[in-house]
């Protein structure tokens, strides 16, 4: 936004942060931490309500009211203790240390966390403002009733307006860092909009998209960056993409070693073990082999979250084997593993031109992804079909979508290969 050397003339810039998914792991508090207090049945209820919200069947307000009814009876001390055990997202402390040193005003605005927890987090980070849910407490225990402006459809925007008026600032002086569509009303009131590991709608509306360490937003905020800087692949990213590209071997296993439905069963079994390993990993227990691989391959924001990417990846491959005739299913797996994998590698290293409709993807990555997807698909189908399947697969890869591209890429390319070409 401004150069650090010029901050003396304009030190009251306002940076607003969403909390869950940006500063603390998303859903970690309401899911895995509170499960220790509400038991297995309460945990299941929270998961079901969360899924209904994610697919659009429940509003945010209804979702949170149902969740906090499950938490009814917990003490305020219980909440604070659970909150203090949740780690900050990688880079969060560095970001606030830098912004506080420059002189920016910072605000934390959460729709999902009680205000007392957001205030505690603001004190830890040195933020100037903290807003969250209002919770009703009787005799030191939650009644399950909640309220507050943050629950209203435009509640976060109302809060941002109040802060801007109090500070004597305009939207030209404001930046918002957020991860989901609940924050879109604030985007309309800010000049700079940064999506941090954003959902598909926020990715399309963001000026910049950052994935990885939160500190990667600093050049955008403080150095007038015109794009997110390119970085060399880290060790964990290299391992992650090697595993992703290694999925290209699955069709050859089906052809030369095992019947493909047996491969599907083995993949589902391994996925079940992986899910169990993630549950215990978040409780501080390492599951042999699985947890080790996760720690080595996960990116930094995933360290303290339930990492779902391997599940969608396995399901994408399994569905390709089940739904499509062998050559087309194998080709769709090649498009997923080689196309998506190399799109990520080349996009991370050389990406300069982001798609206007999806700031999280760039042209360079998609072009290289298409080339590798095309070559990989030709192992199983003729060049014309490989060209069409790769084109559709990589088009889906760059489009914003509520579903993981580990699912949409193989399903779209496999469908085109089977029904159209």
Protein backbone atom coordinates (compact mmCIF):
# COMPACT_ATOMS: atom_id res chain seq x y z
CA UNK A 1 0.00 0.00 0.00
CA UNK A 2 2.74 2.46 0.95
CA UNK A 3 6.49 2.30 1.25
CA UNK A 4 7.73 1.87 4.79
CA UNK A 5 9.98 4.89 4.44
CA UNK A 6 6.93 7.11 3.91
CA UNK A 7 4.87 5.96 6.86
CA UNK A 8 5.41 9.10 8.90
CA UNK A 9 2.98 11.03 6.70
CA UNK A 10 0.27 8.38 6.74
CA UNK A 11 0.47 6.05 9.70
CA UNK A 12 -3.23 5.47 10.29
CA UNK A 13 -3.85 2.92 7.56
CA UNK A 14 -6.34 0.32 8.67
CA UNK A 15 -5.84 -3.41 8.09
CA UNK A 16 -8.82 -5.62 8.96
CA UNK A 17 -8.32 -9.34 9.53
CA UNK A 18 -10.85 -12.10 9.52
CA UNK A 19 -9.88 -14.49 12.34
CA UNK A 20 -10.75 -18.13 11.59
CA UNK A 21 -8.71 -19.39 8.67
CA UNK A 22 -6.47 -16.32 8.67
CA UNK A 23 -5.05 -15.91 12.17
CA UNK A 24 -6.11 -19.22 13.75
CA UNK A 25 -6.79 -22.56 12.04
CA UNK A 26 -10.26 -22.65 10.50
CA UNK A 27 -12.81 -24.68 12.45
CA UNK A 28 -10.12 -25.98 14.80
CA UNK A 29 -11.67 -24.32 17.85
CA UNK A 30 -15.29 -25.27 17.17
CA UNK A 31 -14.46 -28.79 16.06
CA UNK A 32 -11.49 -30.60 17.49
CA UNK A 33 -10.85 -28.52 20.60
CA UNK A 34 -14.44 -28.36 21.83
CA UNK A 35 -14.90 -32.07 21.09
CA UNK A 36 -12.90 -32.70 24.25
CA UNK A 37 -15.65 -31.02 26.23
CA UNK A 38 -18.85 -32.02 24.40
CA UNK A 39 -18.02 -35.65 23.63
CA UNK A 40 -18.34 -37.70 20.45
CA UNK A 41 -22.06 -37.05 19.91
CA UNK A 42 -21.61 -33.31 20.31
CA UNK A 43 -18.65 -33.43 17.91
CA UNK A 44 -20.76 -35.26 15.32
CA UNK A 45 -23.56 -32.68 15.66
CA UNK A 46 -21.10 -29.84 15.05
CA UNK A 47 -19.63 -31.60 12.00
CA UNK A 48 -23.10 -32.19 10.49
CA UNK A 49 -24.15 -28.58 11.05
CA UNK A 50 -20.88 -27.39 9.53
CA UNK A 51 -21.40 -29.51 6.42
CA UNK A 52 -24.95 -28.17 6.01
CA UNK A 53 -23.55 -24.64 6.16
CA UNK A 54 -20.80 -25.38 3.65
CA UNK A 55 -23.28 -26.69 1.07
CA UNK A 56 -25.58 -23.72 1.57
CA UNK A 57 -28.46 -25.35 3.43
CA UNK A 58 -27.97 -23.30 6.61
CA UNK A 59 -27.23 -19.61 7.05
CA UNK A 60 -24.24 -18.54 9.09
CA UNK A 61 -26.47 -17.30 11.91
CA UNK A 62 -28.46 -20.54 12.07
CA UNK A 63 -25.27 -22.59 11.95
CA UNK A 64 -23.61 -20.76 14.80
CA UNK A 65 -26.74 -20.82 16.94
CA UNK A 66 -26.95 -24.60 16.55
CA UNK A 67 -23.26 -25.00 17.31
CA UNK A 68 -23.38 -22.93 20.47
CA UNK A 69 -26.42 -24.82 21.68
CA UNK A 70 -24.19 -27.90 21.58
CA UNK A 71 -21.64 -25.96 23.67
CA UNK A 72 -24.30 -25.03 26.24
CA UNK A 73 -23.08 -25.66 29.76
CA UNK A 74 -19.39 -25.04 29.10
CA UNK A 75 -17.79 -22.49 31.38
CA UNK A 76 -16.10 -19.31 30.22
CA UNK A 77 -12.87 -20.69 31.65
CA UNK A 78 -13.32 -23.78 29.46
CA UNK A 79 -13.54 -21.57 26.38
CA UNK A 80 -10.52 -19.51 27.30
CA UNK A 81 -8.44 -22.57 28.05
CA UNK A 82 -9.33 -24.21 24.74
CA UNK A 83 -8.67 -20.97 22.91
CA UNK A 84 -5.20 -20.57 24.42
CA UNK A 85 -4.25 -24.06 23.25
CA UNK A 86 -4.92 -23.22 19.60
CA UNK A 87 -1.74 -22.25 17.71
CA UNK A 88 -1.58 -19.14 15.56
CA UNK A 89 -1.28 -19.51 11.82
CA UNK A 90 2.34 -19.44 10.60
CA UNK A 91 3.51 -15.87 10.06
CA UNK A 92 0.74 -14.20 12.10
CA UNK A 93 3.03 -12.83 14.80
CA UNK A 94 5.53 -11.58 12.21
CA UNK A 95 2.77 -9.77 10.32
CA UNK A 96 1.47 -7.91 13.37
CA UNK A 97 4.95 -7.10 14.62
CA UNK A 98 5.70 -5.47 11.27
CA UNK A 99 2.39 -3.63 10.96
CA UNK A 100 2.56 -2.36 14.55
CA UNK A 101 6.12 -1.14 13.98
CA UNK A 102 5.06 0.80 10.88
CA UNK A 103 2.10 2.31 12.70
CA UNK A 104 -0.91 0.78 10.99
CA UNK A 105 -4.17 0.39 12.84
CA UNK A 106 -5.33 -3.23 12.91
CA UNK A 107 -8.71 -4.81 13.62
CA UNK A 108 -9.82 -8.40 14.18
CA UNK A 109 -13.41 -9.18 13.16
CA UNK A 110 -14.85 -12.66 13.69
CA UNK A 111 -18.33 -14.05 13.09
CA UNK A 112 -17.56 -17.40 14.68
CA UNK A 113 -15.60 -16.72 17.86
CA UNK A 114 -16.89 -15.09 21.06
CA UNK A 115 -15.78 -11.51 21.54
CA UNK A 116 -13.85 -12.34 24.72
CA UNK A 117 -11.66 -14.78 22.75
CA UNK A 118 -11.09 -12.30 19.93
CA UNK A 119 -10.12 -9.66 22.49
CA UNK A 120 -7.65 -12.09 24.04
CA UNK A 121 -6.14 -12.75 20.61
CA UNK A 122 -5.99 -9.01 19.87
CA UNK A 123 -4.07 -8.46 23.11
CA UNK A 124 -1.56 -11.18 22.14
CA UNK A 125 -0.98 -9.66 18.71
CA UNK A 126 -1.22 -5.99 19.66
CA UNK A 127 -4.28 -5.29 17.48
CA UNK A 128 -6.27 -2.10 18.05
CA UNK A 129 -9.81 -3.45 17.63
CA UNK A 130 -11.52 -6.76 18.34
CA UNK A 131 -15.07 -7.81 17.45
CA UNK A 132 -16.78 -11.15 17.83
CA UNK A 133 -19.95 -12.93 18.95
CA UNK A 134 -21.81 -11.85 22.03
CA UNK A 135 -22.45 -14.94 24.16
CA UNK A 136 -24.97 -15.21 26.97
CA UNK A 137 -23.52 -16.47 30.24
CA UNK A 138 -25.41 -17.50 33.39
CA UNK A 139 -23.53 -18.43 36.53
CA UNK A 140 -20.30 -18.62 34.58
CA UNK A 141 -21.68 -21.07 31.99
CA UNK A 142 -22.83 -20.68 28.39
CA UNK A 143 -26.60 -20.76 27.91
CA UNK A 144 -26.23 -21.44 24.18
CA UNK A 145 -27.72 -18.05 23.22
CA UNK A 146 -25.60 -15.79 21.00
CA UNK A 147 -25.99 -12.43 19.29
CA UNK A 148 -24.15 -9.35 18.10
CA UNK A 149 -23.67 -7.32 14.93
CA UNK A 150 -21.24 -9.86 13.44
CA UNK A 151 -24.14 -12.29 12.96
CA UNK A 152 -26.10 -9.92 10.74
CA UNK A 153 -25.82 -10.26 6.93
CA UNK A 154 -23.93 -6.95 6.67
CA UNK A 155 -22.70 -6.95 10.24
CA UNK A 156 -19.00 -6.96 9.44
CA UNK A 157 -19.48 -4.05 7.04
CA UNK A 158 -21.31 -2.09 9.75
CA UNK A 159 -18.40 -2.68 12.12
CA UNK A 160 -15.86 -1.60 9.50
CA UNK A 161 -17.80 1.60 8.87
CA UNK A 162 -17.73 2.38 12.59
CA UNK A 163 -13.96 1.88 12.76
CA UNK A 164 -13.33 4.03 9.69
CA UNK A 165 -15.47 6.84 11.11
CA UNK A 166 -13.76 6.64 14.50
CA UNK A 167 -10.30 6.77 12.90
CA UNK A 168 -11.26 9.46 10.40
CA UNK A 169 -10.34 7.21 7.49
CA UNK A 170 -11.99 6.30 4.20
CA UNK A 171 -12.16 3.06 2.25
CA UNK A 172 -9.08 4.26 0.35
CA UNK A 173 -7.11 3.81 3.56
CA UNK A 174 -8.37 0.30 4.29
CA UNK A 175 -7.24 -3.24 3.45
CA UNK A 176 -9.07 -6.46 4.32
CA UNK A 177 -7.49 -9.91 4.69
CA UNK A 178 -10.06 -12.72 4.69
CA UNK A 179 -10.73 -16.28 3.55
CA UNK A 180 -14.45 -16.79 2.92
CA UNK A 181 -17.56 -15.21 1.41
CA UNK A 182 -18.85 -14.06 4.80
CA UNK A 183 -16.37 -11.17 4.45
CA UNK A 184 -17.53 -9.91 1.06
CA UNK A 185 -19.48 -6.97 2.57
CA UNK A 186 -16.18 -5.65 4.00
CA UNK A 187 -14.51 -5.99 0.59
CA UNK A 188 -16.89 -3.33 -0.75
CA UNK A 189 -15.54 -0.87 1.84
CA UNK A 190 -11.82 -1.42 1.25
CA UNK A 191 -9.39 -0.38 -1.44
CA UNK A 192 -7.17 -3.45 -1.08
CA UNK A 193 -8.68 -6.94 -0.77
CA UNK A 194 -6.44 -9.91 -0.01
CA UNK A 195 -7.75 -13.45 -0.07
CA UNK A 196 -5.78 -15.76 2.19
CA UNK A 197 -6.38 -19.38 1.14
CA UNK A 198 -9.79 -18.08 0.01
CA UNK A 199 -12.90 -19.95 -1.01
CA UNK A 200 -13.95 -19.81 -4.67
CA UNK A 201 -16.08 -16.65 -4.42
CA UNK A 202 -13.56 -14.66 -2.42
CA UNK A 203 -10.81 -15.72 -4.82
CA UNK A 204 -12.70 -14.12 -7.67
CA UNK A 205 -13.30 -10.89 -5.72
CA UNK A 206 -9.80 -10.49 -4.27
CA UNK A 207 -7.13 -8.18 -5.64
CA UNK A 208 -4.48 -10.63 -4.48
CA UNK A 209 -4.56 -14.26 -3.37
CA UNK A 210 -1.95 -15.63 -0.98
CA UNK A 211 -1.46 -19.28 -0.09
CA UNK A 212 1.15 -20.37 2.40
CA UNK A 213 2.75 -18.37 5.18
CA UNK A 214 0.66 -15.36 6.23
CA UNK A 215 3.79 -13.18 6.11
CA UNK A 216 3.51 -13.31 2.30
CA UNK A 217 0.89 -10.56 2.57
CA UNK A 218 3.48 -8.08 3.89
CA UNK A 219 4.96 -7.04 0.49
CA UNK A 220 1.42 -6.39 -0.74
CA UNK A 221 0.55 -4.23 2.25
CA UNK A 222 3.79 -2.33 2.66
CA UNK A 223 5.67 -2.27 -0.65
CA UNK A 224 3.12 -1.43 -3.33
CA UNK A 225 3.50 -4.93 -4.78
CA UNK A 226 1.71 -5.36 -8.09
CA UNK A 227 1.47 -9.12 -7.70
CA UNK A 228 2.22 -11.85 -5.21
CA UNK A 229 5.99 -12.53 -5.41
CA UNK A 230 7.11 -15.83 -6.92
CA UNK A 231 8.98 -18.23 -4.66
CA UNK A 232 11.00 -21.38 -5.07
CA UNK A 233 9.17 -24.50 -4.03
CA UNK A 234 9.75 -25.33 -0.39
CA UNK A 235 10.74 -28.81 0.73
CA UNK A 236 7.18 -29.57 1.83
CA UNK A 237 5.73 -28.32 -1.47
CA UNK A 238 8.22 -30.45 -3.39
CA UNK A 239 7.18 -33.55 -1.43
CA UNK A 240 3.51 -32.69 -1.82
CA UNK A 241 3.68 -32.26 -5.59
CA UNK A 242 5.87 -35.34 -5.97
CA UNK A 243 3.12 -37.37 -4.28
CA UNK A 244 0.51 -35.67 -6.48
CA UNK A 245 2.38 -36.37 -9.71
CA UNK A 246 3.18 -39.88 -8.48
CA UNK A 247 -0.53 -40.65 -8.77
CA UNK A 248 0.17 -41.01 -12.49
CA UNK A 249 1.44 -44.51 -11.65
CA UNK A 250 -2.02 -45.71 -10.55
CA UNK A 251 -3.24 -46.55 -14.09
CA UNK A 252 -0.10 -48.60 -14.72
CA UNK A 253 -0.67 -50.49 -11.46
CA UNK A 254 -4.17 -51.27 -12.71
CA UNK A 255 -2.89 -52.38 -16.11
CA UNK A 256 0.05 -54.51 -15.04
CA UNK A 257 -0.37 -55.50 -11.38
CA UNK A 258 -3.85 -55.34 -9.82
CA UNK A 259 -7.45 -55.29 -11.00
CA UNK A 260 -8.68 -51.69 -10.88
CA UNK A 261 -11.54 -52.28 -8.44
CA UNK A 262 -9.07 -53.86 -6.04
CA UNK A 263 -6.96 -50.71 -6.38
CA UNK A 264 -10.06 -48.66 -5.51
CA UNK A 265 -10.63 -50.72 -2.35
CA UNK A 266 -7.00 -50.32 -1.32
CA UNK A 267 -7.19 -46.56 -1.87
CA UNK A 268 -10.35 -46.29 0.24
CA UNK A 269 -8.72 -48.35 2.99
CA UNK A 270 -5.65 -46.13 2.99
CA UNK A 271 -7.88 -43.05 3.01
CA UNK A 272 -9.69 -44.38 6.09
CA UNK A 273 -6.38 -44.80 7.88
CA UNK A 274 -5.41 -41.29 6.81
CA UNK A 275 -8.61 -39.79 8.26
CA UNK A 276 -7.95 -41.55 11.56
CA UNK A 277 -4.36 -40.29 11.52
CA UNK A 278 -5.49 -36.68 11.07
CA UNK A 279 -7.94 -36.89 13.97
CA UNK A 280 -5.26 -38.13 16.36
CA UNK A 281 -2.58 -35.80 14.91
CA UNK A 282 -4.64 -32.80 15.90
CA UNK A 283 -4.70 -34.21 19.42
CA UNK A 284 -0.90 -34.32 19.44
CA UNK A 285 -0.58 -38.05 18.71
CA UNK A 286 1.47 -39.25 15.77
CA UNK A 287 -0.07 -42.04 13.69
CA UNK A 288 2.77 -44.22 12.29
CA UNK A 289 3.78 -43.31 8.73
CA UNK A 290 0.67 -41.25 7.94
CA UNK A 291 1.32 -38.40 10.38
CA UNK A 292 4.98 -38.27 9.35
CA UNK A 293 4.07 -37.87 5.69
CA UNK A 294 1.47 -35.22 6.54
CA UNK A 295 3.97 -33.16 8.55
CA UNK A 296 6.48 -33.34 5.70
CA UNK A 297 4.06 -32.63 2.85
CA UNK A 298 1.55 -30.17 4.36
CA UNK A 299 1.94 -26.47 3.71
CA UNK A 300 2.24 -24.22 6.74
CA UNK A 301 -1.45 -23.27 7.12
CA UNK A 302 -2.31 -26.97 7.16
CA UNK A 303 -0.02 -27.86 10.06
CA UNK A 304 -2.73 -27.22 12.62
CA UNK A 305 -5.79 -28.10 10.53
CA UNK A 306 -7.48 -31.29 9.39
CA UNK A 307 -5.84 -31.60 5.97
CA UNK A 308 -8.48 -32.65 3.45
CA UNK A 309 -6.51 -32.45 0.17
CA UNK A 310 -5.30 -36.10 0.27
CA UNK A 311 -8.90 -37.27 0.75
CA UNK A 312 -10.24 -35.41 -2.29
CA UNK A 313 -7.19 -36.53 -4.31
CA UNK A 314 -7.79 -40.20 -3.49
CA UNK A 315 -11.53 -39.85 -4.19
CA UNK A 316 -10.85 -38.16 -7.52
CA UNK A 317 -8.68 -41.07 -8.65
CA UNK A 318 -11.05 -43.70 -7.24
CA UNK A 319 -14.10 -42.16 -8.95
CA UNK A 320 -12.23 -42.04 -12.25
CA UNK A 321 -11.56 -45.77 -11.99
CA UNK A 322 -15.16 -46.56 -11.06
CA UNK A 323 -17.15 -44.26 -13.35
CA UNK A 324 -15.29 -44.30 -16.65
CA UNK A 325 -14.15 -47.04 -19.05
CA UNK A 326 -10.52 -47.97 -18.44
CA UNK A 327 -8.72 -45.86 -21.08
CA UNK A 328 -10.77 -42.74 -20.32
CA UNK A 329 -10.51 -43.19 -16.56
CA UNK A 330 -6.76 -43.64 -16.86
CA UNK A 331 -6.48 -40.54 -19.05
CA UNK A 332 -8.49 -38.46 -16.57
CA UNK A 333 -6.12 -39.57 -13.80
CA UNK A 334 -3.17 -38.48 -15.94
CA UNK A 335 -4.77 -35.08 -16.48
CA UNK A 336 -5.32 -34.68 -12.73
CA UNK A 337 -1.92 -35.85 -11.56
CA UNK A 338 0.34 -34.39 -14.24
CA UNK A 339 -1.74 -31.40 -15.29
CA UNK A 340 -2.67 -30.12 -11.85
CA UNK A 341 0.69 -31.06 -10.33
CA UNK A 342 2.83 -29.30 -12.91
CA UNK A 343 0.44 -26.33 -13.05
CA UNK A 344 1.14 -25.80 -9.36
CA UNK A 345 4.92 -26.17 -9.76
CA UNK A 346 5.30 -23.85 -12.74
CA UNK A 347 2.70 -21.42 -11.45
CA UNK A 348 4.42 -21.13 -8.09
CA UNK A 349 7.84 -20.60 -9.65
CA UNK A 350 7.12 -18.58 -12.78
CA UNK A 351 3.57 -17.28 -12.42
CA UNK A 352 3.19 -13.59 -13.26
CA UNK A 353 -0.23 -13.17 -14.89
CA UNK A 354 -3.17 -14.09 -12.66
CA UNK A 355 -6.57 -14.87 -14.13
CA UNK A 356 -8.98 -11.99 -13.55
CA UNK A 357 -11.71 -14.42 -12.46
CA UNK A 358 -9.48 -16.40 -10.10
CA UNK A 359 -6.51 -14.59 -8.56
CA UNK A 360 -5.28 -17.84 -7.03
CA UNK A 361 -4.37 -19.26 -10.45
CA UNK A 362 -2.14 -17.89 -13.20
CA UNK A 363 -1.80 -18.28 -16.93
CA UNK A 364 1.73 -19.68 -16.89
CA UNK A 365 0.84 -22.52 -14.54
CA UNK A 366 -2.23 -23.50 -16.54
CA UNK A 367 -0.32 -23.49 -19.85
CA UNK A 368 2.38 -25.82 -18.55
CA UNK A 369 -0.27 -27.92 -16.81
CA UNK A 370 -2.11 -28.33 -20.12
CA UNK A 371 1.06 -29.48 -21.88
CA UNK A 372 1.82 -32.15 -19.29
CA UNK A 373 -1.83 -33.21 -19.08
CA UNK A 374 -1.96 -33.64 -22.85
CA UNK A 375 1.23 -35.71 -22.94
CA UNK A 376 0.08 -37.87 -20.02
CA UNK A 377 -3.36 -38.51 -21.52
CA UNK A 378 -1.78 -39.68 -24.78
CA UNK A 379 -0.47 -42.75 -22.95
CA UNK A 380 -4.07 -44.00 -22.89
CA UNK A 381 -6.09 -42.30 -25.66
CA UNK A 382 -5.42 -40.91 -29.13
CA UNK A 383 -4.03 -37.34 -29.51
CA UNK A 384 -7.36 -35.75 -30.43
CA UNK A 385 -9.09 -37.12 -27.34
CA UNK A 386 -6.07 -36.32 -25.21
CA UNK A 387 -6.17 -32.73 -26.46
CA UNK A 388 -9.87 -32.32 -25.67
CA UNK A 389 -9.64 -33.99 -22.26
CA UNK A 390 -6.59 -31.96 -21.24
CA UNK A 391 -8.20 -28.72 -22.41
CA UNK A 392 -11.37 -29.35 -20.40
CA UNK A 393 -9.44 -30.55 -17.35
CA UNK A 394 -7.18 -27.52 -17.23
CA UNK A 395 -10.08 -25.15 -17.90
CA UNK A 396 -11.77 -26.59 -14.82
CA UNK A 397 -8.47 -26.29 -12.92
CA UNK A 398 -8.31 -22.53 -13.37
CA UNK A 399 -12.00 -21.80 -12.70
CA UNK A 400 -13.13 -20.87 -9.19
CA UNK A 401 -15.29 -23.66 -7.76
CA UNK A 402 -16.74 -24.67 -4.38
CA UNK A 403 -15.42 -28.20 -4.98
CA UNK A 404 -11.78 -29.28 -4.83
CA UNK A 405 -10.15 -29.46 -8.25
CA UNK A 406 -8.92 -32.90 -7.20
CA UNK A 407 -12.52 -33.91 -7.88
CA UNK A 408 -13.61 -31.55 -10.64
CA UNK A 409 -10.60 -32.09 -12.94
CA UNK A 410 -10.84 -35.89 -13.34
CA UNK A 411 -14.64 -35.92 -13.36
CA UNK A 412 -14.92 -33.21 -16.02
CA UNK A 413 -12.18 -34.59 -18.25
CA UNK A 414 -13.38 -38.19 -17.85
CA UNK A 415 -16.96 -37.17 -18.70
CA UNK A 416 -15.83 -35.33 -21.83
CA UNK A 417 -13.67 -38.24 -22.96
CA UNK A 418 -16.47 -40.74 -22.39
CA UNK A 419 -19.54 -38.91 -23.70
CA UNK A 420 -18.42 -36.27 -26.15
CA UNK A 421 -15.16 -37.16 -27.85
